[in-house]
């Protein structure tokens, strides 16, 4: 509310720089498709497209994700990826003039949101040649004046950004301004203290990020890496706490990557390709191994030979740290070398913006993940307004390593209150990587609640589109054939098996048709269990 008062406008007054001290080297590649679209006169993000000529930031007719893309100026990275300075500068300057005309003098959300100002300052300083190459001195002065006002705004607003990647982005902007605007040493010291607080509140001891989203962790890693390049541009040492935190974050990120080196689709993410992850890790300079046990972040990794199994072993994130969390507790994904076998549908937060809202909301449900579902309900309730309700509160988790296998035993109480049962899942991976064994059990809760009688359930294993499934003659198993010719045999005991249609959101946010193995049955009052096995035949 204070932003709307004359007092805040007075606080933004002050001298503006005549130039920047240096230009940061952006170590990351942008999206070539978005960059080429911008060269053709269209601003495009996740399927939503707007013509640059008719774009009116003062009267936006776009979605919230598209607004963040426009106001955050990450499109400068996309543009610089596909064009020379001479080609890109006119496009960048045209969009910059539109933004300045609508928002430079008016303090209001979303354009003046602290996290967006942080990103904007990072991109403006890293891609300054694209937006400050004009011979129009009035325009150049307006850009630098807006940069200085944004930095003063961030000085007071950074700590009000939501915990996680948004607050990290805001404080990275403060520090970037302190490093790149002349006379910024006091702001630099202030910014380092603020960033240290932001990282302490957002990054767990095992390197995971608040909100449990791998995409958000990747975002935070790129923000810190670009900040490190800003220090390098000034020939200054990056603070030790930033380097140490980056190492932990990279290890956690690698822990949720498959054999194809790409991200798993947890908490609504999309399976970004291994090339994106490789480039990010190379830019950080971190030399770490994938984290196997991220207790605080909530992911477990089993890896033997070519096979990788990743389990979501924690409750969904609470609404105040991440909107749009998924009810995916105890779901698994697994891959065989570069080929994914079992996946989550994914995409609730990264899908194409043209998809129906009902579909993207459905991607958050327990049924959209490879785990057990009781009475077609979510392990954590998803309210009509999109917020998460009651569900998983308490978790049990143990892990054992033997000479023959790695094993995870976990349980959650998400169905205890409504259905009177505890879901327990055991997953084991043999040391030769050829057997992924599991057992799903429904056990009576200590305090039974909800409905009584037998408990109907379904266990779903969503398959990657590159896997073709066919049932065995006795209908108690299935043969899974991959594109490379590998064959996995699936067997189950204690439930009926069917192969049904499913959907998988790919790395571009596009839904692709695929299949799922569905095991159905009813657990008696005293409890019941289903055992299953994925065996690599060849």
Protein backbone atom coordinates (compact mmCIF):
# COMPACT_ATOMS: atom_id res chain seq x y z
CA UNK A 1 0.00 0.00 0.00
CA UNK A 2 2.90 2.36 0.69
CA UNK A 3 3.93 2.13 -2.96
CA UNK A 4 0.83 4.13 -3.87
CA UNK A 5 1.71 7.03 -1.56
CA UNK A 6 3.76 10.11 -2.46
CA UNK A 7 6.24 9.13 0.27
CA UNK A 8 7.45 6.12 -1.70
CA UNK A 9 7.82 8.20 -4.86
CA UNK A 10 10.00 10.63 -2.91
CA UNK A 11 12.19 7.75 -1.77
CA UNK A 12 12.85 6.82 -5.41
CA UNK A 13 14.30 10.24 -6.23
CA UNK A 14 18.02 10.70 -6.60
CA UNK A 15 20.84 10.96 -9.06
CA UNK A 16 20.86 8.52 -11.94
CA UNK A 17 24.03 7.08 -13.47
CA UNK A 18 25.48 8.32 -16.73
CA UNK A 19 26.69 4.83 -17.57
CA UNK A 20 27.21 1.36 -16.10
CA UNK A 21 30.56 0.34 -14.66
CA UNK A 22 30.72 -2.90 -16.66
CA UNK A 23 28.62 -5.41 -18.58
CA UNK A 24 27.94 -8.88 -17.17
CA UNK A 25 28.61 -11.91 -19.36
CA UNK A 26 25.39 -13.95 -19.41
CA UNK A 27 26.59 -17.61 -19.42
CA UNK A 28 23.23 -19.11 -20.39
CA UNK A 29 21.60 -19.77 -23.72
CA UNK A 30 18.06 -18.55 -24.28
CA UNK A 31 15.26 -20.27 -26.14
CA UNK A 32 15.98 -20.12 -29.90
CA UNK A 33 12.32 -20.49 -30.87
CA UNK A 34 11.32 -17.51 -28.72
CA UNK A 35 14.29 -15.52 -29.99
CA UNK A 36 13.45 -16.16 -33.64
CA UNK A 37 9.81 -15.28 -33.02
CA UNK A 38 10.93 -11.95 -31.56
CA UNK A 39 13.03 -11.27 -34.64
CA UNK A 40 9.87 -11.84 -36.68
CA UNK A 41 7.98 -9.33 -34.53
CA UNK A 42 6.20 -11.65 -32.09
CA UNK A 43 6.73 -12.01 -28.34
CA UNK A 44 6.04 -15.66 -27.54
CA UNK A 45 5.99 -17.64 -24.29
CA UNK A 46 4.68 -21.17 -23.71
CA UNK A 47 2.40 -21.02 -26.73
CA UNK A 48 1.00 -17.54 -26.05
CA UNK A 49 2.00 -15.01 -28.69
CA UNK A 50 1.53 -11.23 -29.09
CA UNK A 51 2.54 -8.97 -31.94
CA UNK A 52 5.21 -6.49 -30.85
CA UNK A 53 3.77 -3.64 -32.93
CA UNK A 54 0.32 -3.85 -31.34
CA UNK A 55 1.58 -4.76 -27.86
CA UNK A 56 0.19 -2.32 -25.28
CA UNK A 57 1.72 -2.81 -21.81
CA UNK A 58 -0.60 -0.15 -20.39
CA UNK A 59 -3.63 -2.28 -21.31
CA UNK A 60 -2.37 -5.88 -21.05
CA UNK A 61 -4.43 -8.67 -22.57
CA UNK A 62 -2.17 -11.52 -21.59
CA UNK A 63 -1.88 -14.24 -18.95
CA UNK A 64 0.03 -13.85 -15.69
CA UNK A 65 2.93 -16.15 -16.80
CA UNK A 66 3.29 -14.14 -20.01
CA UNK A 67 3.29 -10.92 -18.00
CA UNK A 68 6.14 -12.23 -15.87
CA UNK A 69 8.09 -13.10 -19.02
CA UNK A 70 7.56 -9.63 -20.47
CA UNK A 71 8.27 -7.67 -17.28
CA UNK A 72 11.21 -9.89 -16.27
CA UNK A 73 13.07 -9.19 -19.56
CA UNK A 74 14.39 -12.73 -19.91
CA UNK A 75 13.42 -12.33 -23.56
CA UNK A 76 16.66 -10.36 -23.92
CA UNK A 77 18.53 -13.64 -23.40
CA UNK A 78 16.34 -15.37 -26.01
CA UNK A 79 16.95 -12.57 -28.49
CA UNK A 80 20.71 -12.45 -27.98
CA UNK A 81 20.91 -16.22 -28.52
CA UNK A 82 19.79 -16.02 -32.15
CA UNK A 83 20.83 -12.55 -33.34
CA UNK A 84 23.80 -10.25 -33.59
CA UNK A 85 23.84 -6.97 -31.72
CA UNK A 86 22.95 -5.06 -34.88
CA UNK A 87 19.94 -7.33 -35.51
CA UNK A 88 18.72 -7.56 -31.92
CA UNK A 89 19.15 -3.98 -30.69
CA UNK A 90 16.24 -2.45 -32.67
CA UNK A 91 13.86 -5.18 -31.44
CA UNK A 92 15.04 -4.83 -27.84
CA UNK A 93 14.85 -1.04 -27.93
CA UNK A 94 11.29 -1.10 -29.32
CA UNK A 95 10.07 -3.29 -26.47
CA UNK A 96 12.07 -1.29 -23.94
CA UNK A 97 10.42 1.95 -25.06
CA UNK A 98 7.00 0.35 -24.67
CA UNK A 99 7.83 -0.80 -21.13
CA UNK A 100 9.29 2.55 -20.12
CA UNK A 101 6.31 4.43 -21.49
CA UNK A 102 3.84 2.37 -19.50
CA UNK A 103 5.69 1.55 -16.28
CA UNK A 104 8.85 3.58 -15.67
CA UNK A 105 7.04 6.38 -13.88
CA UNK A 106 4.20 4.41 -12.29
CA UNK A 107 4.90 2.22 -9.26
CA UNK A 108 2.37 -0.63 -9.42
CA UNK A 109 2.18 -4.41 -9.63
CA UNK A 110 2.98 -6.53 -11.45
CA UNK A 111 5.64 -4.47 -13.23
CA UNK A 112 7.17 -3.21 -9.98
CA UNK A 113 7.05 -6.50 -8.13
CA UNK A 114 10.33 -6.94 -6.27
CA UNK A 115 11.29 -10.25 -7.88
CA UNK A 116 10.65 -8.88 -11.37
CA UNK A 117 12.74 -5.79 -10.66
CA UNK A 118 15.56 -8.07 -9.50
CA UNK A 119 15.44 -10.09 -12.71
CA UNK A 120 15.07 -6.95 -14.79
CA UNK A 121 18.19 -5.36 -13.32
CA UNK A 122 20.17 -8.55 -13.96
CA UNK A 123 19.06 -8.76 -17.59
CA UNK A 124 19.42 -5.03 -18.25
CA UNK A 125 23.03 -5.05 -17.05
CA UNK A 126 23.91 -8.35 -18.77
CA UNK A 127 22.39 -7.30 -22.09
CA UNK A 128 23.08 -3.57 -21.90
CA UNK A 129 24.46 -3.46 -25.47
CA UNK A 130 20.99 -4.37 -26.75
CA UNK A 131 19.12 -1.66 -24.85
CA UNK A 132 21.74 1.10 -24.50
CA UNK A 133 23.31 1.22 -27.97
CA UNK A 134 20.96 3.94 -29.19
CA UNK A 135 22.31 7.39 -30.05
CA UNK A 136 19.14 8.90 -28.54
CA UNK A 137 20.53 10.46 -25.35
CA UNK A 138 17.08 11.10 -23.90
CA UNK A 139 16.17 7.45 -24.29
CA UNK A 140 19.47 6.28 -22.76
CA UNK A 141 18.98 8.64 -19.83
CA UNK A 142 15.44 7.31 -19.32
CA UNK A 143 16.69 3.71 -19.17
CA UNK A 144 19.42 4.52 -16.64
CA UNK A 145 17.04 6.65 -14.58
CA UNK A 146 14.54 3.77 -14.45
CA UNK A 147 17.35 1.41 -13.42
CA UNK A 148 18.34 3.70 -10.54
CA UNK A 149 14.73 4.09 -9.39
CA UNK A 150 14.22 0.34 -9.53
CA UNK A 151 17.32 -0.22 -7.39
CA UNK A 152 16.05 2.23 -4.75
CA UNK A 153 12.69 0.50 -4.82
CA UNK A 154 14.37 -2.88 -4.28
CA UNK A 155 16.36 -1.54 -1.32
CA UNK A 156 13.05 -1.37 0.57
CA UNK A 157 11.03 -4.10 -1.15
CA UNK A 158 13.41 -7.07 -1.57
CA UNK A 159 12.63 -8.65 1.79
CA UNK A 160 8.90 -8.46 1.05
CA UNK A 161 9.18 -10.82 -1.93
CA UNK A 162 7.93 -14.37 -1.31
CA UNK A 163 10.47 -16.76 0.20
CA UNK A 164 12.32 -18.83 -2.39
CA UNK A 165 13.38 -17.94 -5.92
CA UNK A 166 11.41 -14.62 -5.91
CA UNK A 167 13.27 -13.25 -2.88
CA UNK A 168 16.59 -14.55 -4.18
CA UNK A 169 15.88 -12.75 -7.49
CA UNK A 170 15.10 -9.52 -5.66
CA UNK A 171 18.33 -9.53 -3.64
CA UNK A 172 20.37 -10.52 -6.71
CA UNK A 173 18.96 -7.34 -8.28
CA UNK A 174 20.04 -5.25 -5.29
CA UNK A 175 23.55 -6.66 -5.48
CA UNK A 176 23.76 -6.25 -9.25
CA UNK A 177 22.80 -2.61 -8.90
CA UNK A 178 25.41 -2.18 -6.17
CA UNK A 179 28.08 -3.67 -8.41
CA UNK A 180 27.16 -1.97 -11.68
CA UNK A 181 25.95 1.51 -10.70
CA UNK A 182 28.76 3.93 -9.72
CA UNK A 183 28.99 4.61 -6.01
CA UNK A 184 27.27 1.35 -5.10
CA UNK A 185 29.60 0.03 -2.37
CA UNK A 186 27.14 0.69 0.49
CA UNK A 187 24.38 -1.05 -1.48
CA UNK A 188 26.71 -3.97 -2.18
CA UNK A 189 27.34 -4.57 1.53
CA UNK A 190 23.63 -4.19 2.26
CA UNK A 191 22.77 -6.57 -0.60
CA UNK A 192 25.17 -9.29 0.48
CA UNK A 193 23.61 -9.35 3.94
CA UNK A 194 20.13 -9.50 2.41
CA UNK A 195 21.05 -12.27 -0.02
CA UNK A 196 22.54 -14.32 2.81
CA UNK A 197 19.22 -14.07 4.67
CA UNK A 198 17.26 -14.96 1.54
CA UNK A 199 19.35 -18.06 0.89
CA UNK A 200 19.17 -19.16 4.53
CA UNK A 201 15.37 -18.99 4.45
CA UNK A 202 14.93 -20.60 1.02
CA UNK A 203 17.66 -23.24 0.65
CA UNK A 204 17.72 -26.28 2.93
CA UNK A 205 20.89 -27.85 4.27
CA UNK A 206 20.72 -30.50 1.54
CA UNK A 207 20.45 -27.86 -1.20
CA UNK A 208 16.72 -28.09 -1.95
CA UNK A 209 14.52 -25.03 -2.30
CA UNK A 210 11.39 -23.98 -0.46
CA UNK A 211 8.38 -25.08 -2.49
CA UNK A 212 10.11 -28.33 -3.57
CA UNK A 213 10.05 -27.44 -7.27
CA UNK A 214 13.07 -28.57 -9.34
CA UNK A 215 12.26 -25.83 -11.87
CA UNK A 216 12.40 -23.22 -9.09
CA UNK A 217 15.73 -24.65 -7.92
CA UNK A 218 17.11 -24.44 -11.46
CA UNK A 219 15.88 -20.85 -11.66
CA UNK A 220 17.62 -19.94 -8.40
CA UNK A 221 20.85 -21.60 -9.57
CA UNK A 222 20.83 -19.52 -12.75
CA UNK A 223 20.13 -16.32 -10.78
CA UNK A 224 23.12 -16.92 -8.50
CA UNK A 225 25.37 -17.94 -11.40
CA UNK A 226 24.53 -14.74 -13.28
CA UNK A 227 25.27 -12.80 -10.08
CA UNK A 228 28.64 -14.52 -9.84
CA UNK A 229 29.39 -13.40 -13.40
CA UNK A 230 28.55 -9.85 -12.30
CA UNK A 231 31.20 -10.05 -9.60
CA UNK A 232 33.61 -11.42 -12.22
CA UNK A 233 32.86 -8.47 -14.51
CA UNK A 234 34.03 -6.21 -11.68
CA UNK A 235 37.04 -8.50 -10.99
CA UNK A 236 35.75 -9.15 -7.49
CA UNK A 237 35.50 -12.41 -5.59
CA UNK A 238 32.03 -13.86 -5.19
CA UNK A 239 31.05 -14.16 -1.50
CA UNK A 240 31.91 -17.58 -0.12
CA UNK A 241 28.36 -18.24 1.06
CA UNK A 242 27.09 -17.91 -2.52
CA UNK A 243 29.64 -20.40 -3.88
CA UNK A 244 29.01 -22.89 -1.08
CA UNK A 245 25.24 -22.66 -1.48
CA UNK A 246 25.51 -23.11 -5.24
CA UNK A 247 27.41 -26.38 -4.77
CA UNK A 248 24.68 -27.73 -2.50
CA UNK A 249 21.94 -26.61 -4.89
CA UNK A 250 23.61 -28.25 -7.88
CA UNK A 251 23.96 -31.57 -6.05
CA UNK A 252 20.27 -31.47 -5.12
CA UNK A 253 19.30 -30.61 -8.71
CA UNK A 254 21.31 -33.51 -10.12
CA UNK A 255 19.56 -35.76 -7.63
CA UNK A 256 16.24 -35.25 -9.45
CA UNK A 257 17.68 -35.80 -12.94
CA UNK A 258 17.22 -39.03 -14.90
CA UNK A 259 19.63 -41.07 -16.96
CA UNK A 260 18.96 -38.76 -19.91
CA UNK A 261 20.36 -35.97 -17.66
CA UNK A 262 17.01 -34.13 -17.85
CA UNK A 263 14.76 -33.07 -14.97
CA UNK A 264 12.06 -35.26 -13.49
CA UNK A 265 8.56 -33.75 -13.59
CA UNK A 266 7.98 -33.02 -9.90
CA UNK A 267 5.68 -30.32 -8.50
CA UNK A 268 4.22 -29.46 -11.87
CA UNK A 269 7.53 -29.08 -13.66
CA UNK A 270 8.39 -30.13 -17.18
CA UNK A 271 11.18 -32.55 -18.17
CA UNK A 272 13.76 -30.02 -19.33
CA UNK A 273 16.37 -31.63 -21.56
CA UNK A 274 19.77 -32.77 -20.41
CA UNK A 275 21.39 -30.12 -22.62
CA UNK A 276 19.81 -27.34 -20.55
CA UNK A 277 20.91 -28.99 -17.30
CA UNK A 278 24.43 -29.67 -18.62
CA UNK A 279 24.87 -26.07 -19.70
CA UNK A 280 23.65 -24.82 -16.33
CA UNK A 281 25.97 -27.10 -14.37
CA UNK A 282 28.93 -26.14 -16.56
CA UNK A 283 28.21 -22.46 -16.01
CA UNK A 284 28.16 -22.90 -12.22
CA UNK A 285 31.56 -24.60 -12.23
CA UNK A 286 30.32 -26.98 -9.51
CA UNK A 287 31.94 -30.41 -9.35
CA UNK A 288 29.50 -32.45 -7.30
CA UNK A 289 27.67 -35.76 -7.51
CA UNK A 290 23.88 -36.24 -7.56
CA UNK A 291 22.46 -36.14 -4.05
CA UNK A 292 20.90 -39.50 -3.15
CA UNK A 293 19.02 -38.48 0.00
CA UNK A 294 17.51 -35.03 0.26
CA UNK A 295 15.56 -35.48 3.49
CA UNK A 296 14.65 -31.84 3.95
CA UNK A 297 13.85 -31.21 0.29
CA UNK A 298 11.92 -34.47 0.18
CA UNK A 299 13.36 -36.51 -2.70
CA UNK A 300 15.07 -39.91 -2.65
CA UNK A 301 17.24 -41.28 -5.45
CA UNK A 302 18.17 -44.90 -6.15
CA UNK A 303 20.78 -45.44 -8.87
CA UNK A 304 22.41 -48.70 -9.94
CA UNK A 305 24.12 -49.31 -13.28
CA UNK A 306 21.84 -47.71 -15.94
CA UNK A 307 18.71 -47.53 -13.79
CA UNK A 308 17.62 -44.46 -11.81
CA UNK A 309 14.57 -44.37 -9.52
CA UNK A 310 13.41 -41.06 -7.98
CA UNK A 311 10.74 -40.89 -5.26
CA UNK A 312 8.76 -37.93 -3.93
CA UNK A 313 9.11 -38.66 -0.21
CA UNK A 314 7.55 -35.61 1.45
CA UNK A 315 4.24 -33.74 1.81
CA UNK A 316 3.33 -31.17 -0.86
CA UNK A 317 4.56 -27.62 -0.27
CA UNK A 318 2.31 -25.34 1.74
CA UNK A 319 0.46 -22.65 -0.18
CA UNK A 320 2.38 -19.69 1.26
CA UNK A 321 5.69 -20.92 -0.18
CA UNK A 322 4.41 -22.16 -3.55
CA UNK A 323 1.11 -21.86 -5.35
CA UNK A 324 -0.03 -24.81 -7.39
CA UNK A 325 1.61 -27.63 -5.42
CA UNK A 326 0.93 -31.23 -6.46
CA UNK A 327 -0.47 -34.11 -4.39
CA UNK A 328 2.31 -36.50 -5.41
CA UNK A 329 3.57 -37.98 -2.12
CA UNK A 330 5.26 -41.41 -2.60
CA UNK A 331 5.09 -41.21 -6.41
CA UNK A 332 8.06 -42.57 -8.35
CA UNK A 333 9.71 -42.05 -11.70
CA UNK A 334 12.38 -44.31 -13.15
CA UNK A 335 14.59 -44.47 -16.21
CA UNK A 336 16.82 -46.97 -18.00
CA UNK A 337 19.87 -45.10 -19.24
CA UNK A 338 18.69 -42.33 -21.58
CA UNK A 339 15.15 -43.76 -21.77
CA UNK A 340 12.46 -42.90 -19.26
CA UNK A 341 10.11 -45.74 -18.36
CA UNK A 342 7.78 -44.59 -15.56
CA UNK A 343 7.00 -40.88 -15.31
CA UNK A 344 4.60 -38.35 -13.81
CA UNK A 345 2.22 -36.50 -16.10
CA UNK A 346 3.89 -33.24 -14.97
CA UNK A 347 3.37 -29.82 -16.47
CA UNK A 348 0.92 -28.18 -14.07
CA UNK A 349 3.26 -25.16 -13.82
CA UNK A 350 5.07 -25.37 -17.15
CA UNK A 351 2.47 -26.50 -19.68
CA UNK A 352 1.52 -24.65 -22.83
CA UNK A 353 -0.63 -21.66 -21.85
CA UNK A 354 -3.21 -22.54 -24.51
CA UNK A 355 -4.22 -25.72 -22.66
CA UNK A 356 -7.57 -25.72 -20.81
CA UNK A 357 -7.30 -24.74 -17.15
CA UNK A 358 -9.17 -27.92 -16.18
CA UNK A 359 -6.40 -30.02 -17.72
CA UNK A 360 -3.53 -28.17 -16.06
CA UNK A 361 -5.31 -28.38 -12.70
CA UNK A 362 -5.84 -32.09 -13.26
CA UNK A 363 -2.09 -32.51 -13.68
CA UNK A 364 -1.71 -31.61 -9.98
CA UNK A 365 -3.78 -34.55 -8.75
CA UNK A 366 -2.50 -37.76 -7.20
CA UNK A 367 -3.90 -39.69 -10.16
CA UNK A 368 -1.52 -37.79 -12.46
CA UNK A 369 1.44 -39.33 -10.63
CA UNK A 370 2.77 -42.88 -10.40
CA UNK A 371 1.51 -43.88 -6.99
CA UNK A 372 -1.50 -45.32 -5.14
CA UNK A 373 -4.86 -43.54 -5.04
CA UNK A 374 -7.68 -44.35 -2.58
CA UNK A 375 -11.29 -43.98 -3.76
CA UNK A 376 -10.22 -41.68 -6.62
CA UNK A 377 -9.26 -38.99 -4.10
CA UNK A 378 -6.07 -36.99 -3.68
CA UNK A 379 -3.62 -37.80 -0.91
CA UNK A 380 -3.71 -34.06 -0.17
CA UNK A 381 -6.94 -32.26 -1.01
CA UNK A 382 -6.92 -29.71 -3.84
CA UNK A 383 -9.63 -27.08 -3.36
CA UNK A 384 -11.60 -25.54 -6.25
CA UNK A 385 -9.64 -22.29 -5.85
CA UNK A 386 -6.40 -24.22 -6.42
CA UNK A 387 -5.12 -24.19 -2.84
CA UNK A 388 -4.10 -27.37 -1.04
CA UNK A 389 -6.19 -28.57 1.89
CA UNK A 390 -5.90 -31.37 4.41
CA UNK A 391 -3.90 -34.43 3.59
CA UNK A 392 -0.37 -35.60 4.19
CA UNK A 393 0.97 -34.34 7.51
CA UNK A 394 3.14 -37.09 8.94
CA UNK A 395 5.69 -39.13 7.00
CA UNK A 396 7.76 -42.15 7.89
CA UNK A 397 10.92 -42.86 5.92
CA UNK A 398 13.80 -45.29 6.20
CA UNK A 399 16.48 -46.29 3.73
CA UNK A 400 18.80 -49.30 3.71
CA UNK A 401 21.74 -50.20 1.52
CA UNK A 402 22.84 -53.84 1.24
CA UNK A 403 25.13 -55.81 -1.03
CA UNK A 404 22.17 -56.81 -3.20
CA UNK A 405 19.85 -53.81 -3.26
CA UNK A 406 19.03 -50.25 -2.20
CA UNK A 407 15.67 -49.99 -0.47
CA UNK A 408 13.28 -47.21 0.61
CA UNK A 409 10.41 -47.77 3.06
CA UNK A 410 8.03 -44.84 3.39
CA UNK A 411 4.48 -44.15 4.56
CA UNK A 412 2.11 -41.18 4.75
CA UNK A 413 -1.16 -40.37 6.52
CA UNK A 414 -2.88 -38.53 3.67
CA UNK A 415 -5.81 -40.95 3.63
CA UNK A 416 -6.07 -41.51 7.39
CA UNK A 417 -8.57 -38.79 8.25
CA UNK A 418 -10.94 -39.37 5.33
CA UNK A 419 -10.56 -43.08 4.64
CA UNK A 420 -9.00 -44.56 7.77
CA UNK A 421 -5.89 -46.01 6.10
CA UNK A 422 -2.16 -45.40 5.91
CA UNK A 423 -0.37 -45.79 2.58
CA UNK A 424 2.98 -47.53 2.87
CA UNK A 425 5.27 -47.98 -0.13
CA UNK A 426 8.47 -50.00 -0.39
CA UNK A 427 10.74 -49.63 -3.42
CA UNK A 428 13.97 -51.59 -3.94
CA UNK A 429 16.51 -51.44 -6.76
CA UNK A 430 18.88 -54.37 -7.27
CA UNK A 431 22.59 -53.66 -7.59
CA UNK A 432 22.59 -54.92 -11.19
CA UNK A 433 19.93 -52.34 -12.07
CA UNK A 434 17.68 -54.93 -13.70
CA UNK A 435 14.98 -55.21 -11.02
CA UNK A 436 12.79 -52.47 -9.57
CA UNK A 437 10.65 -54.12 -6.90
CA UNK A 438 7.87 -52.52 -4.94
CA UNK A 439 5.00 -53.10 -2.60
CA UNK A 440 2.07 -50.81 -1.84
CA UNK A 441 0.16 -51.48 1.37
CA UNK A 442 -2.95 -49.95 2.93
CA UNK A 443 -2.87 -50.32 6.71
CA UNK A 444 -5.54 -49.38 9.26
CA UNK A 445 -4.86 -45.96 10.79
CA UNK A 446 -4.51 -45.75 14.56
CA UNK A 447 -7.58 -43.50 14.67
CA UNK A 448 -9.86 -44.65 11.90
CA UNK A 449 -11.96 -41.96 10.31
CA UNK A 450 -14.06 -41.43 7.24
CA UNK A 451 -15.77 -44.32 5.45
CA UNK A 452 -15.75 -47.91 6.70
CA UNK A 453 -15.61 -51.26 4.90
CA UNK A 454 -13.33 -52.37 2.11
CA UNK A 455 -11.20 -49.62 0.60
CA UNK A 456 -11.06 -49.43 -3.22
CA UNK A 457 -7.72 -48.33 -4.60
CA UNK A 458 -5.79 -47.88 -7.84
CA UNK A 459 -2.02 -47.93 -8.36
CA UNK A 460 -0.96 -46.04 -11.46
CA UNK A 461 2.31 -46.23 -13.37
CA UNK A 462 2.32 -43.59 -16.12
CA UNK A 463 4.61 -44.59 -18.96
CA UNK A 464 6.79 -42.39 -21.14
CA UNK A 465 5.50 -41.97 -24.73
CA UNK A 466 8.58 -43.85 -25.93
CA UNK A 467 7.40 -47.00 -24.13
CA UNK A 468 4.89 -49.35 -25.74
CA UNK A 469 2.95 -51.54 -23.30
CA UNK A 470 1.05 -54.74 -24.04
CA UNK A 471 -0.63 -57.02 -21.49
CA UNK A 472 0.51 -60.59 -20.97
CA UNK A 473 -1.82 -63.49 -21.76
CA UNK A 474 -2.74 -64.02 -18.10
CA UNK A 475 -3.46 -60.28 -17.60
CA UNK A 476 -1.28 -60.16 -14.50
CA UNK A 477 1.60 -58.43 -16.22
CA UNK A 478 2.75 -56.41 -19.19
CA UNK A 479 5.65 -56.19 -21.61
CA UNK A 480 7.21 -52.76 -22.01
CA UNK A 481 9.24 -52.12 -25.15
CA UNK A 482 11.35 -48.99 -25.58
CA UNK A 483 12.44 -47.35 -28.81
CA UNK A 484 15.96 -48.69 -28.42
CA UNK A 485 14.64 -52.25 -28.31
CA UNK A 486 15.00 -52.80 -24.57
CA UNK A 487 12.26 -54.91 -22.96
CA UNK A 488 11.03 -54.60 -19.39
CA UNK A 489 8.65 -57.15 -17.92
CA UNK A 490 6.08 -55.95 -15.40
CA UNK A 491 4.36 -58.32 -12.98
CA UNK A 492 1.93 -57.62 -10.15
CA UNK A 493 0.22 -59.67 -7.47
CA UNK A 494 -2.80 -58.68 -5.39
CA UNK A 495 -4.67 -56.51 -7.90
CA UNK A 496 -6.24 -56.53 -11.37
CA UNK A 497 -4.18 -55.06 -14.20
CA UNK A 498 -5.28 -52.87 -17.09
CA UNK A 499 -3.53 -50.65 -19.61
CA UNK A 500 -5.21 -47.29 -20.10
CA UNK A 501 -4.62 -44.01 -21.88
CA UNK A 502 -2.57 -41.28 -20.24
CA UNK A 503 -0.88 -37.98 -21.06
CA UNK A 504 2.65 -36.67 -20.55
CA UNK A 505 3.72 -33.02 -20.77
CA UNK A 506 6.98 -32.86 -22.69
CA UNK A 507 9.90 -30.45 -22.31
CA UNK A 508 8.15 -27.81 -24.44
CA UNK A 509 4.98 -27.95 -22.35
CA UNK A 510 3.03 -29.84 -25.04
CA UNK A 511 0.79 -32.78 -24.01
CA UNK A 512 1.62 -36.10 -25.63
CA UNK A 513 -0.50 -39.22 -25.66
CA UNK A 514 0.88 -42.18 -23.78
CA UNK A 515 -0.22 -45.19 -21.68
CA UNK A 516 -0.43 -46.13 -18.04
CA UNK A 517 -0.51 -49.39 -16.15
CA UNK A 518 -3.38 -49.38 -13.65
CA UNK A 519 -3.67 -51.90 -10.80
CA UNK A 520 -7.07 -51.90 -9.09
CA UNK A 521 -8.50 -53.72 -6.11
CA UNK A 522 -10.07 -53.39 -2.66
CA UNK A 523 -8.20 -53.56 0.61
CA UNK A 524 -10.09 -55.31 3.46
CA UNK A 525 -10.65 -53.65 6.81
CA UNK A 526 -7.55 -55.28 8.25
CA UNK A 527 -5.36 -53.96 5.44
CA UNK A 528 -3.96 -55.31 2.21
CA UNK A 529 -0.97 -55.09 -0.09
CA UNK A 530 0.04 -55.32 -3.74
CA UNK A 531 3.52 -56.34 -4.84
CA UNK A 532 4.94 -55.43 -8.22
CA UNK A 533 8.15 -55.84 -10.22
CA UNK A 534 9.78 -54.20 -13.22
CA UNK A 535 12.43 -56.59 -14.62
CA UNK A 536 14.73 -55.74 -17.51
CA UNK A 537 14.60 -58.77 -19.80
CA UNK A 538 16.97 -57.39 -22.45
